[in-house]
């Protein structure tokens, strides 16, 4: 599967230079000519892209996580995390899914990819995984506590209303499905198990 990185509405200019390299975030600066002819210093962060995986099990349930991480309030979300340097996006999704759940999938569908913030060069890729099979125990990072939770499609839509739900970029899709029968049918089909 060839995955094309979407173009940001506010791309990082080619002449921007890295002024700080952090563990996760790098800071880029550049000189920008303003409309009145003056010049200002602009900044933008850059970070590794992330992958989010919604596993659909053979019984039609969707596997979510209830997580705790240091210095972060407990949250509900899908499986996922940062893509490693020089790692393919799909390979990153497969790795995160296996580490956090102990499962692998026979089919991955890229649902959507978004830039969540204009001031950060960062893309979040959302996958639907089907044909899921447990092959190992979880292999969690030292800073992760993850409990797995099976929910129905309708429960998933309602969880989108929970303030603890982490995947904010897809909440509009859930609301559309709750308000529009056609959108509900489309989204339910996307989240249906392999037949």
N, C-alpha and C. Protein backbone atom coordinates (compact mmCIF):
# COMPACT_ATOMS: atom_id res chain seq x y z
N UNK A 1 0.86 -1.18 0.00
CA UNK A 1 0.00 0.00 0.00
C UNK A 1 0.91 1.24 0.00
N UNK A 2 0.78 2.05 -1.03
CA UNK A 2 1.54 3.30 -1.13
C UNK A 2 0.75 4.39 -0.41
N UNK A 3 1.36 4.96 0.62
CA UNK A 3 0.70 6.01 1.41
C UNK A 3 1.37 7.34 1.11
N UNK A 4 0.58 8.28 0.63
CA UNK A 4 1.09 9.61 0.29
C UNK A 4 0.82 10.54 1.47
N UNK A 5 1.85 11.24 1.89
CA UNK A 5 1.70 12.20 2.99
C UNK A 5 0.93 13.41 2.50
N UNK A 6 -0.18 13.77 3.17
CA UNK A 6 -0.94 14.94 2.72
C UNK A 6 -0.15 16.24 2.89
N UNK A 7 -0.46 17.19 2.05
CA UNK A 7 0.21 18.49 2.09
C UNK A 7 -0.47 19.37 3.14
N UNK A 8 0.33 20.01 3.95
CA UNK A 8 -0.18 20.90 4.99
C UNK A 8 -0.73 22.17 4.36
N UNK A 9 -1.74 22.76 5.01
CA UNK A 9 -2.24 24.07 4.59
C UNK A 9 -1.24 25.18 4.90
N UNK A 10 -0.26 24.87 5.75
CA UNK A 10 0.79 25.83 6.11
C UNK A 10 2.12 25.07 6.12
N UNK A 11 2.63 24.74 4.90
CA UNK A 11 3.84 23.91 4.84
C UNK A 11 5.08 24.61 5.38
N UNK A 12 6.01 23.80 5.84
CA UNK A 12 7.29 24.30 6.32
C UNK A 12 8.10 24.74 5.11
N UNK A 13 8.51 26.02 5.02
CA UNK A 13 9.26 26.47 3.84
C UNK A 13 10.59 25.76 3.70
N UNK A 14 11.03 25.58 2.47
CA UNK A 14 12.30 24.91 2.20
C UNK A 14 13.50 25.62 2.79
N UNK A 15 13.41 26.94 2.97
CA UNK A 15 14.55 27.69 3.51
C UNK A 15 14.53 27.80 5.04
N UNK A 16 13.54 27.17 5.69
CA UNK A 16 13.52 27.17 7.16
C UNK A 16 14.70 26.36 7.68
N UNK A 17 15.26 26.79 8.82
CA UNK A 17 16.36 26.03 9.38
C UNK A 17 16.04 25.61 10.81
N UNK A 18 16.53 24.43 11.15
CA UNK A 18 16.30 23.87 12.48
C UNK A 18 17.17 24.63 13.49
N UNK A 19 16.54 25.24 14.50
CA UNK A 19 17.27 25.98 15.52
C UNK A 19 17.31 25.22 16.85
N UNK A 20 16.49 24.16 16.96
CA UNK A 20 16.51 23.33 18.16
C UNK A 20 16.05 21.93 17.79
N UNK A 21 16.82 20.92 18.20
CA UNK A 21 16.47 19.53 17.94
C UNK A 21 16.19 18.86 19.28
N UNK A 22 14.94 18.49 19.51
CA UNK A 22 14.56 17.85 20.77
C UNK A 22 14.37 16.36 20.61
N UNK A 23 13.90 15.72 21.68
CA UNK A 23 13.63 14.28 21.66
C UNK A 23 12.43 13.97 20.76
N UNK A 24 11.43 14.83 20.79
CA UNK A 24 10.24 14.64 19.96
C UNK A 24 10.07 15.82 19.01
N UNK A 25 10.17 17.03 19.52
CA UNK A 25 9.91 18.23 18.72
C UNK A 25 11.20 18.92 18.30
N UNK A 26 11.24 19.33 17.04
CA UNK A 26 12.29 20.19 16.52
C UNK A 26 11.66 21.55 16.22
N UNK A 27 12.40 22.63 16.40
CA UNK A 27 11.91 23.97 16.13
C UNK A 27 12.61 24.52 14.88
N UNK A 28 11.81 24.97 13.93
CA UNK A 28 12.33 25.57 12.71
C UNK A 28 11.97 27.05 12.68
N UNK A 29 12.88 27.87 12.14
CA UNK A 29 12.63 29.31 11.99
C UNK A 29 12.99 29.73 10.57
N UNK A 30 12.34 30.80 10.13
CA UNK A 30 12.66 31.40 8.84
C UNK A 30 12.22 32.86 8.84
N UNK A 31 12.84 33.63 7.96
CA UNK A 31 12.46 35.02 7.79
C UNK A 31 11.33 35.09 6.77
N UNK A 32 10.27 35.81 7.14
CA UNK A 32 9.09 35.90 6.28
C UNK A 32 8.82 37.37 5.97
N UNK A 33 8.74 37.68 4.68
CA UNK A 33 8.37 39.04 4.30
C UNK A 33 6.88 39.23 4.52
N UNK A 34 6.54 40.34 5.16
CA UNK A 34 5.15 40.65 5.47
C UNK A 34 4.55 41.47 4.32
N UNK A 35 3.24 41.69 4.36
CA UNK A 35 2.55 42.42 3.30
C UNK A 35 3.00 43.88 3.21
N UNK A 36 3.46 44.42 4.34
CA UNK A 36 3.89 45.82 4.33
C UNK A 36 5.37 45.99 3.98
N UNK A 37 6.04 44.87 3.61
CA UNK A 37 7.45 44.93 3.23
C UNK A 37 8.43 44.66 4.35
N UNK A 38 7.97 44.63 5.60
CA UNK A 38 8.85 44.31 6.71
C UNK A 38 9.11 42.80 6.75
N UNK A 39 10.07 42.40 7.56
CA UNK A 39 10.41 40.97 7.69
C UNK A 39 10.27 40.56 9.14
N UNK A 40 9.68 39.42 9.36
CA UNK A 40 9.49 38.87 10.71
C UNK A 40 10.06 37.44 10.75
N UNK A 41 10.44 37.00 11.95
CA UNK A 41 10.87 35.62 12.15
C UNK A 41 9.64 34.77 12.44
N UNK A 42 9.44 33.73 11.64
CA UNK A 42 8.35 32.78 11.84
C UNK A 42 8.93 31.48 12.39
N UNK A 43 8.09 30.71 13.10
CA UNK A 43 8.51 29.43 13.65
C UNK A 43 7.45 28.36 13.38
N UNK A 44 7.94 27.13 13.31
CA UNK A 44 7.05 25.98 13.21
C UNK A 44 7.75 24.78 13.84
N UNK A 45 6.97 23.96 14.54
CA UNK A 45 7.50 22.73 15.12
C UNK A 45 7.43 21.60 14.09
N UNK A 46 8.28 20.63 14.27
CA UNK A 46 8.23 19.42 13.46
C UNK A 46 8.39 18.24 14.40
N UNK A 47 7.60 17.21 14.18
CA UNK A 47 7.66 16.02 15.02
C UNK A 47 7.39 14.79 14.18
N UNK A 48 7.70 13.59 14.68
CA UNK A 48 7.39 12.39 13.92
C UNK A 48 5.89 12.24 13.72
N UNK A 49 5.51 11.70 12.57
CA UNK A 49 4.10 11.42 12.31
C UNK A 49 3.63 10.30 13.24
N UNK A 50 2.32 10.20 13.41
CA UNK A 50 1.77 9.15 14.26
C UNK A 50 0.75 8.32 13.50
N UNK A 51 0.54 7.11 14.01
CA UNK A 51 -0.43 6.19 13.43
C UNK A 51 -1.43 5.80 14.49
N UNK A 52 -2.67 5.67 14.09
CA UNK A 52 -3.76 5.25 14.97
C UNK A 52 -4.44 4.07 14.29
N UNK A 53 -4.67 2.99 15.04
CA UNK A 53 -5.26 1.78 14.47
C UNK A 53 -6.53 1.43 15.24
N UNK A 54 -7.63 1.31 14.50
CA UNK A 54 -8.89 0.82 15.06
C UNK A 54 -9.06 -0.63 14.60
N UNK A 55 -8.82 -1.60 15.49
CA UNK A 55 -8.96 -3.00 15.11
C UNK A 55 -10.43 -3.44 15.18
N UNK A 56 -10.89 -4.08 14.12
CA UNK A 56 -12.23 -4.65 14.09
C UNK A 56 -12.07 -6.16 14.20
N UNK A 57 -12.60 -6.73 15.26
CA UNK A 57 -12.48 -8.16 15.50
C UNK A 57 -13.53 -8.92 14.69
N UNK A 58 -13.34 -10.23 14.58
CA UNK A 58 -14.23 -11.05 13.75
C UNK A 58 -15.68 -11.03 14.23
N UNK A 59 -15.91 -10.78 15.53
CA UNK A 59 -17.28 -10.72 16.04
C UNK A 59 -17.92 -9.34 15.83
N UNK A 60 -17.19 -8.44 15.16
CA UNK A 60 -17.73 -7.10 14.87
C UNK A 60 -17.39 -6.07 15.93
N UNK A 61 -16.81 -6.49 17.05
CA UNK A 61 -16.45 -5.52 18.07
C UNK A 61 -15.16 -4.80 17.67
N UNK A 62 -14.97 -3.63 18.26
CA UNK A 62 -13.81 -2.79 17.98
C UNK A 62 -12.98 -2.75 19.26
N UNK A 63 -11.68 -2.92 19.11
CA UNK A 63 -10.78 -2.97 20.26
C UNK A 63 -10.23 -1.57 20.53
N UNK A 64 -10.55 -1.05 21.72
CA UNK A 64 -10.03 0.24 22.15
C UNK A 64 -9.07 0.04 23.31
N UNK A 65 -8.41 1.11 23.69
CA UNK A 65 -7.49 1.06 24.83
C UNK A 65 -7.94 2.06 25.88
N UNK A 66 -7.74 1.68 27.13
CA UNK A 66 -7.84 2.60 28.25
C UNK A 66 -6.42 2.73 28.76
N UNK A 67 -5.86 3.95 28.70
CA UNK A 67 -4.42 4.12 28.92
C UNK A 67 -4.09 5.09 30.04
N UNK A 68 -2.93 4.84 30.62
CA UNK A 68 -2.30 5.78 31.54
C UNK A 68 -0.86 5.95 31.08
N UNK A 69 -0.40 7.20 31.10
CA UNK A 69 0.99 7.53 30.79
C UNK A 69 1.44 8.60 31.78
N UNK A 70 2.74 8.63 32.10
CA UNK A 70 3.21 9.62 33.07
C UNK A 70 2.85 11.05 32.66
N UNK A 71 2.45 11.84 33.64
CA UNK A 71 2.12 13.27 33.46
C UNK A 71 0.99 13.50 32.46
N UNK A 72 0.07 12.55 32.35
CA UNK A 72 -1.05 12.67 31.42
C UNK A 72 -2.28 12.06 32.08
N UNK A 73 -3.40 12.72 31.95
CA UNK A 73 -4.63 12.18 32.52
C UNK A 73 -4.99 10.87 31.80
N UNK A 74 -5.58 9.91 32.51
CA UNK A 74 -6.01 8.67 31.86
C UNK A 74 -6.92 8.99 30.66
N UNK A 75 -6.81 8.17 29.61
CA UNK A 75 -7.58 8.44 28.40
C UNK A 75 -8.02 7.16 27.73
N UNK A 76 -8.99 7.33 26.83
CA UNK A 76 -9.51 6.24 26.00
C UNK A 76 -9.09 6.54 24.57
N UNK A 77 -8.65 5.53 23.86
CA UNK A 77 -8.27 5.76 22.47
C UNK A 77 -8.13 4.46 21.72
N UNK A 78 -7.64 4.59 20.52
CA UNK A 78 -7.31 3.41 19.72
C UNK A 78 -5.85 3.08 19.99
N UNK A 79 -5.35 2.06 19.34
CA UNK A 79 -3.93 1.71 19.43
C UNK A 79 -3.15 2.72 18.60
N UNK A 80 -1.92 2.97 18.97
CA UNK A 80 -1.14 3.85 18.11
C UNK A 80 0.04 4.48 18.79
N UNK A 81 0.77 5.26 18.01
CA UNK A 81 1.93 5.95 18.53
C UNK A 81 2.77 6.54 17.42
N UNK A 82 3.97 6.96 17.78
CA UNK A 82 4.88 7.59 16.82
C UNK A 82 5.44 6.59 15.83
N UNK A 83 5.63 7.07 14.61
CA UNK A 83 6.32 6.29 13.59
C UNK A 83 7.82 6.50 13.82
N UNK A 84 8.57 5.41 13.84
CA UNK A 84 10.02 5.50 14.04
C UNK A 84 10.68 6.13 12.82
N UNK A 85 11.85 6.73 13.05
CA UNK A 85 12.61 7.34 11.96
C UNK A 85 12.91 6.29 10.89
N UNK A 86 12.70 6.65 9.63
CA UNK A 86 12.92 5.76 8.48
C UNK A 86 11.99 4.55 8.47
N UNK A 87 10.90 4.58 9.23
CA UNK A 87 9.92 3.49 9.23
C UNK A 87 8.78 3.86 8.29
N UNK A 88 8.34 2.91 7.51
CA UNK A 88 7.18 3.08 6.64
C UNK A 88 5.93 3.29 7.52
N UNK A 89 5.00 4.11 7.04
CA UNK A 89 3.79 4.43 7.82
C UNK A 89 3.01 3.16 8.16
N UNK A 90 2.76 2.31 7.18
CA UNK A 90 2.00 1.08 7.43
C UNK A 90 2.76 0.16 8.39
N UNK A 91 4.06 0.06 8.23
CA UNK A 91 4.85 -0.77 9.15
C UNK A 91 4.76 -0.23 10.57
N UNK A 92 4.75 1.10 10.71
CA UNK A 92 4.59 1.70 12.03
C UNK A 92 3.24 1.34 12.65
N UNK A 93 2.19 1.35 11.82
CA UNK A 93 0.85 0.99 12.30
C UNK A 93 0.83 -0.48 12.75
N UNK A 94 1.42 -1.35 11.97
CA UNK A 94 1.46 -2.78 12.33
C UNK A 94 2.25 -2.99 13.62
N UNK A 95 3.38 -2.31 13.76
CA UNK A 95 4.21 -2.44 14.95
C UNK A 95 3.47 -1.97 16.20
N UNK A 96 2.88 -0.77 16.11
CA UNK A 96 2.16 -0.23 17.28
C UNK A 96 0.98 -1.13 17.67
N UNK A 97 0.25 -1.64 16.68
CA UNK A 97 -0.88 -2.52 16.93
C UNK A 97 -0.42 -3.79 17.66
N UNK A 98 0.66 -4.38 17.18
CA UNK A 98 1.18 -5.60 17.81
C UNK A 98 1.68 -5.31 19.22
N UNK A 99 2.45 -4.23 19.40
CA UNK A 99 3.00 -3.92 20.72
C UNK A 99 1.90 -3.67 21.75
N UNK A 100 0.89 -2.91 21.36
CA UNK A 100 -0.13 -2.49 22.34
C UNK A 100 -1.22 -3.51 22.58
N UNK A 101 -1.41 -4.45 21.63
CA UNK A 101 -2.51 -5.42 21.79
C UNK A 101 -2.07 -6.87 21.72
N UNK A 102 -0.91 -7.14 21.12
CA UNK A 102 -0.51 -8.53 20.89
C UNK A 102 -1.20 -9.15 19.68
N UNK A 103 -1.84 -8.32 18.88
CA UNK A 103 -2.57 -8.79 17.69
C UNK A 103 -1.84 -8.40 16.41
N UNK A 104 -2.15 -9.12 15.36
CA UNK A 104 -1.81 -8.71 14.00
C UNK A 104 -3.08 -8.77 13.18
N UNK A 105 -3.06 -8.14 12.01
CA UNK A 105 -4.24 -8.10 11.15
C UNK A 105 -3.86 -8.51 9.73
N UNK A 106 -4.81 -9.06 9.01
CA UNK A 106 -4.55 -9.47 7.62
C UNK A 106 -4.86 -8.35 6.64
N UNK A 107 -5.62 -7.36 7.10
CA UNK A 107 -6.01 -6.26 6.20
C UNK A 107 -5.97 -4.93 6.93
N UNK A 108 -5.33 -3.95 6.30
CA UNK A 108 -5.30 -2.58 6.84
C UNK A 108 -5.87 -1.65 5.79
N UNK A 109 -6.76 -0.78 6.20
CA UNK A 109 -7.32 0.25 5.32
C UNK A 109 -6.97 1.61 5.90
N UNK A 110 -6.36 2.46 5.09
CA UNK A 110 -6.12 3.83 5.54
C UNK A 110 -7.44 4.58 5.46
N UNK A 111 -7.97 4.97 6.61
CA UNK A 111 -9.25 5.66 6.67
C UNK A 111 -9.07 7.13 6.31
N UNK A 112 -8.13 7.78 6.98
CA UNK A 112 -7.88 9.19 6.71
C UNK A 112 -6.52 9.58 7.27
N UNK A 113 -6.01 10.69 6.79
CA UNK A 113 -4.77 11.25 7.31
C UNK A 113 -4.96 12.76 7.42
N UNK A 114 -4.55 13.32 8.55
CA UNK A 114 -4.80 14.74 8.81
C UNK A 114 -3.60 15.41 9.46
N UNK A 115 -3.47 16.70 9.21
CA UNK A 115 -2.55 17.56 9.94
C UNK A 115 -3.37 18.16 11.08
N UNK A 116 -3.15 17.73 12.33
CA UNK A 116 -3.99 18.23 13.42
C UNK A 116 -3.74 19.68 13.83
N UNK A 117 -2.56 20.22 13.50
CA UNK A 117 -2.23 21.58 13.92
C UNK A 117 -1.41 22.25 12.83
N UNK A 118 -1.79 23.48 12.47
CA UNK A 118 -1.09 24.16 11.37
C UNK A 118 0.33 24.57 11.75
N UNK A 119 0.61 24.76 13.02
CA UNK A 119 1.94 25.21 13.45
C UNK A 119 2.88 24.05 13.77
N UNK A 120 2.45 22.82 13.45
CA UNK A 120 3.30 21.65 13.66
C UNK A 120 3.31 20.84 12.37
N UNK A 121 4.50 20.55 11.86
CA UNK A 121 4.63 19.66 10.71
C UNK A 121 4.48 18.24 11.23
N UNK A 122 3.25 17.70 11.12
CA UNK A 122 2.91 16.44 11.76
C UNK A 122 1.63 15.91 11.14
N UNK A 123 1.62 14.63 10.79
CA UNK A 123 0.43 14.00 10.22
C UNK A 123 0.03 12.82 11.10
N UNK A 124 -1.28 12.67 11.31
CA UNK A 124 -1.82 11.51 12.00
C UNK A 124 -2.57 10.66 10.96
N UNK A 125 -2.19 9.39 10.88
CA UNK A 125 -2.78 8.44 9.93
C UNK A 125 -3.70 7.51 10.70
N UNK A 126 -4.95 7.40 10.26
CA UNK A 126 -5.94 6.54 10.91
C UNK A 126 -6.19 5.31 10.04
N UNK A 127 -5.99 4.13 10.63
CA UNK A 127 -6.18 2.86 9.94
C UNK A 127 -7.31 2.07 10.58
N UNK A 128 -7.98 1.27 9.75
CA UNK A 128 -8.92 0.25 10.22
C UNK A 128 -8.23 -1.08 9.95
N UNK A 129 -8.07 -1.91 10.98
CA UNK A 129 -7.43 -3.22 10.84
C UNK A 129 -8.49 -4.30 10.96
N UNK A 130 -8.45 -5.25 10.03
CA UNK A 130 -9.42 -6.35 10.04
C UNK A 130 -8.69 -7.68 9.89
N UNK A 131 -9.42 -8.76 10.19
CA UNK A 131 -8.79 -10.07 10.18
C UNK A 131 -7.78 -10.16 11.32
N UNK A 132 -8.18 -9.66 12.48
CA UNK A 132 -7.27 -9.56 13.63
C UNK A 132 -7.14 -10.90 14.35
N UNK A 133 -5.93 -11.19 14.77
CA UNK A 133 -5.65 -12.44 15.45
C UNK A 133 -4.61 -12.18 16.54
N UNK A 134 -4.88 -12.66 17.74
CA UNK A 134 -3.92 -12.49 18.84
C UNK A 134 -2.79 -13.49 18.65
N UNK A 135 -1.55 -12.96 18.65
CA UNK A 135 -0.39 -13.84 18.45
C UNK A 135 0.63 -13.76 19.58
N UNK A 136 0.47 -12.77 20.48
CA UNK A 136 1.44 -12.62 21.57
C UNK A 136 0.83 -11.79 22.69
N UNK A 137 1.58 -11.64 23.76
CA UNK A 137 1.19 -10.74 24.83
C UNK A 137 1.54 -9.31 24.41
N UNK A 138 1.00 -8.34 25.12
CA UNK A 138 1.37 -6.95 24.88
C UNK A 138 2.86 -6.76 25.16
N UNK A 139 3.47 -5.81 24.46
CA UNK A 139 4.87 -5.47 24.66
C UNK A 139 4.94 -3.95 24.83
N UNK A 140 4.57 -3.49 26.03
CA UNK A 140 4.38 -2.07 26.27
C UNK A 140 5.67 -1.36 26.64
N UNK A 141 5.73 -0.07 26.30
CA UNK A 141 6.83 0.79 26.74
C UNK A 141 6.74 0.93 28.26
N UNK A 142 7.86 1.29 28.89
CA UNK A 142 7.89 1.48 30.33
C UNK A 142 6.94 2.55 30.83
N UNK A 143 6.54 3.48 29.95
CA UNK A 143 5.64 4.56 30.32
C UNK A 143 4.21 4.35 29.88
N UNK A 144 3.83 3.09 29.66
CA UNK A 144 2.45 2.80 29.23
C UNK A 144 1.80 1.78 30.15
N UNK A 145 0.55 2.06 30.51
CA UNK A 145 -0.35 1.08 31.13
C UNK A 145 -1.55 1.04 30.20
N UNK A 146 -1.81 -0.11 29.59
CA UNK A 146 -2.89 -0.20 28.62
C UNK A 146 -3.79 -1.39 28.93
N UNK A 147 -5.06 -1.09 29.12
CA UNK A 147 -6.11 -2.11 29.25
C UNK A 147 -6.88 -2.12 27.94
N UNK A 148 -7.16 -3.30 27.41
CA UNK A 148 -7.92 -3.42 26.16
C UNK A 148 -9.40 -3.54 26.48
N UNK A 149 -10.21 -2.91 25.64
CA UNK A 149 -11.66 -2.89 25.87
C UNK A 149 -12.37 -3.09 24.53
N UNK A 150 -13.25 -4.09 24.47
CA UNK A 150 -14.05 -4.34 23.27
C UNK A 150 -15.34 -3.52 23.34
N UNK A 151 -15.67 -2.84 22.24
CA UNK A 151 -16.91 -2.06 22.18
C UNK A 151 -17.61 -2.36 20.85
N UNK A 152 -18.91 -2.14 20.83
CA UNK A 152 -19.67 -2.27 19.59
C UNK A 152 -19.49 -0.99 18.77
N UNK A 153 -19.91 -1.03 17.53
CA UNK A 153 -19.83 0.16 16.68
C UNK A 153 -20.62 1.31 17.30
N UNK A 154 -21.84 1.04 17.76
CA UNK A 154 -22.66 2.10 18.36
C UNK A 154 -22.03 2.64 19.64
N UNK A 155 -21.40 1.78 20.43
CA UNK A 155 -20.69 2.25 21.62
C UNK A 155 -19.51 3.13 21.23
N UNK A 156 -18.82 2.77 20.15
CA UNK A 156 -17.70 3.59 19.68
C UNK A 156 -18.17 5.01 19.37
N UNK A 157 -19.29 5.13 18.66
CA UNK A 157 -19.80 6.47 18.33
C UNK A 157 -20.10 7.27 19.59
N UNK A 158 -20.62 6.62 20.62
CA UNK A 158 -20.94 7.32 21.86
C UNK A 158 -19.66 7.67 22.64
N UNK A 159 -18.64 6.82 22.58
CA UNK A 159 -17.39 7.10 23.27
C UNK A 159 -16.74 8.37 22.71
N UNK A 160 -17.02 8.66 21.44
CA UNK A 160 -16.52 9.90 20.85
C UNK A 160 -16.99 11.15 21.59
N UNK A 161 -18.05 11.03 22.36
CA UNK A 161 -18.57 12.15 23.14
C UNK A 161 -17.91 12.25 24.51
N UNK A 162 -17.14 11.24 24.88
CA UNK A 162 -16.49 11.21 26.19
C UNK A 162 -15.27 12.13 26.17
N UNK A 163 -15.15 13.06 27.12
CA UNK A 163 -13.99 13.96 27.13
C UNK A 163 -12.65 13.25 27.26
N UNK A 164 -12.65 11.99 27.70
CA UNK A 164 -11.41 11.23 27.82
C UNK A 164 -10.99 10.59 26.49
N UNK A 165 -11.85 10.70 25.46
CA UNK A 165 -11.52 10.08 24.17
C UNK A 165 -10.44 10.90 23.49
N UNK A 166 -9.33 10.27 23.13
CA UNK A 166 -8.13 10.95 22.66
C UNK A 166 -8.16 11.32 21.18
N UNK A 167 -8.86 10.57 20.37
CA UNK A 167 -8.77 10.74 18.91
C UNK A 167 -9.71 11.85 18.43
N UNK A 168 -9.38 13.09 18.79
CA UNK A 168 -10.25 14.25 18.54
C UNK A 168 -10.50 14.50 17.05
N UNK A 169 -9.55 14.13 16.19
CA UNK A 169 -9.68 14.44 14.76
C UNK A 169 -10.82 13.70 14.08
N UNK A 170 -11.29 12.60 14.67
CA UNK A 170 -12.36 11.84 14.01
C UNK A 170 -13.72 12.03 14.68
N UNK A 171 -13.79 12.82 15.73
CA UNK A 171 -15.08 13.06 16.39
C UNK A 171 -16.11 13.64 15.42
N UNK A 172 -15.74 14.56 14.51
CA UNK A 172 -16.75 15.03 13.54
C UNK A 172 -17.35 13.90 12.70
N UNK A 173 -16.55 12.88 12.37
CA UNK A 173 -17.06 11.73 11.61
C UNK A 173 -18.11 10.99 12.43
N UNK A 174 -17.86 10.86 13.73
CA UNK A 174 -18.81 10.18 14.60
C UNK A 174 -20.11 10.97 14.70
N UNK A 175 -20.02 12.30 14.86
CA UNK A 175 -21.23 13.11 14.94
C UNK A 175 -22.02 13.06 13.64
N UNK A 176 -21.33 13.11 12.50
CA UNK A 176 -22.03 12.99 11.22
C UNK A 176 -22.79 11.67 11.16
N UNK A 177 -22.16 10.58 11.61
CA UNK A 177 -22.82 9.28 11.58
C UNK A 177 -24.03 9.25 12.51
N UNK A 178 -23.94 9.94 13.65
CA UNK A 178 -25.08 9.98 14.58
C UNK A 178 -26.25 10.81 14.04
N UNK A 179 -25.94 11.77 13.16
CA UNK A 179 -26.97 12.68 12.66
C UNK A 179 -27.49 12.35 11.25
N UNK A 180 -26.78 11.52 10.52
CA UNK A 180 -27.11 11.27 9.12
C UNK A 180 -27.09 9.76 8.87
N UNK A 181 -28.24 9.20 8.46
CA UNK A 181 -28.37 7.75 8.26
C UNK A 181 -27.40 7.23 7.20
N UNK A 182 -27.19 8.00 6.14
CA UNK A 182 -26.26 7.56 5.09
C UNK A 182 -24.83 7.53 5.60
N UNK A 183 -24.43 8.56 6.35
CA UNK A 183 -23.09 8.59 6.93
C UNK A 183 -22.91 7.45 7.94
N UNK A 184 -23.98 7.16 8.70
CA UNK A 184 -23.94 6.05 9.65
C UNK A 184 -23.68 4.74 8.91
N UNK A 185 -24.42 4.51 7.83
CA UNK A 185 -24.25 3.26 7.06
C UNK A 185 -22.86 3.16 6.45
N UNK A 186 -22.32 4.27 5.93
CA UNK A 186 -20.97 4.27 5.35
C UNK A 186 -19.92 3.94 6.41
N UNK A 187 -20.03 4.59 7.56
CA UNK A 187 -19.03 4.39 8.61
C UNK A 187 -19.17 2.97 9.19
N UNK A 188 -20.39 2.50 9.35
CA UNK A 188 -20.59 1.14 9.88
C UNK A 188 -19.99 0.12 8.93
N UNK A 189 -20.12 0.35 7.62
CA UNK A 189 -19.53 -0.56 6.64
C UNK A 189 -18.00 -0.55 6.77
N UNK A 190 -17.41 0.63 6.96
CA UNK A 190 -15.96 0.73 7.12
C UNK A 190 -15.50 -0.06 8.34
N UNK A 191 -16.30 -0.05 9.40
CA UNK A 191 -15.95 -0.72 10.64
C UNK A 191 -16.56 -2.14 10.74
N UNK A 192 -17.00 -2.69 9.61
CA UNK A 192 -17.56 -4.05 9.64
C UNK A 192 -16.43 -5.07 9.54
N UNK A 193 -16.62 -6.27 10.13
CA UNK A 193 -15.55 -7.27 10.08
C UNK A 193 -15.43 -7.87 8.67
N UNK A 194 -14.30 -8.56 8.45
CA UNK A 194 -14.14 -9.29 7.18
C UNK A 194 -15.19 -10.39 7.11
N UNK A 195 -15.68 -10.63 5.91
CA UNK A 195 -16.68 -11.69 5.77
C UNK A 195 -16.12 -12.87 5.02
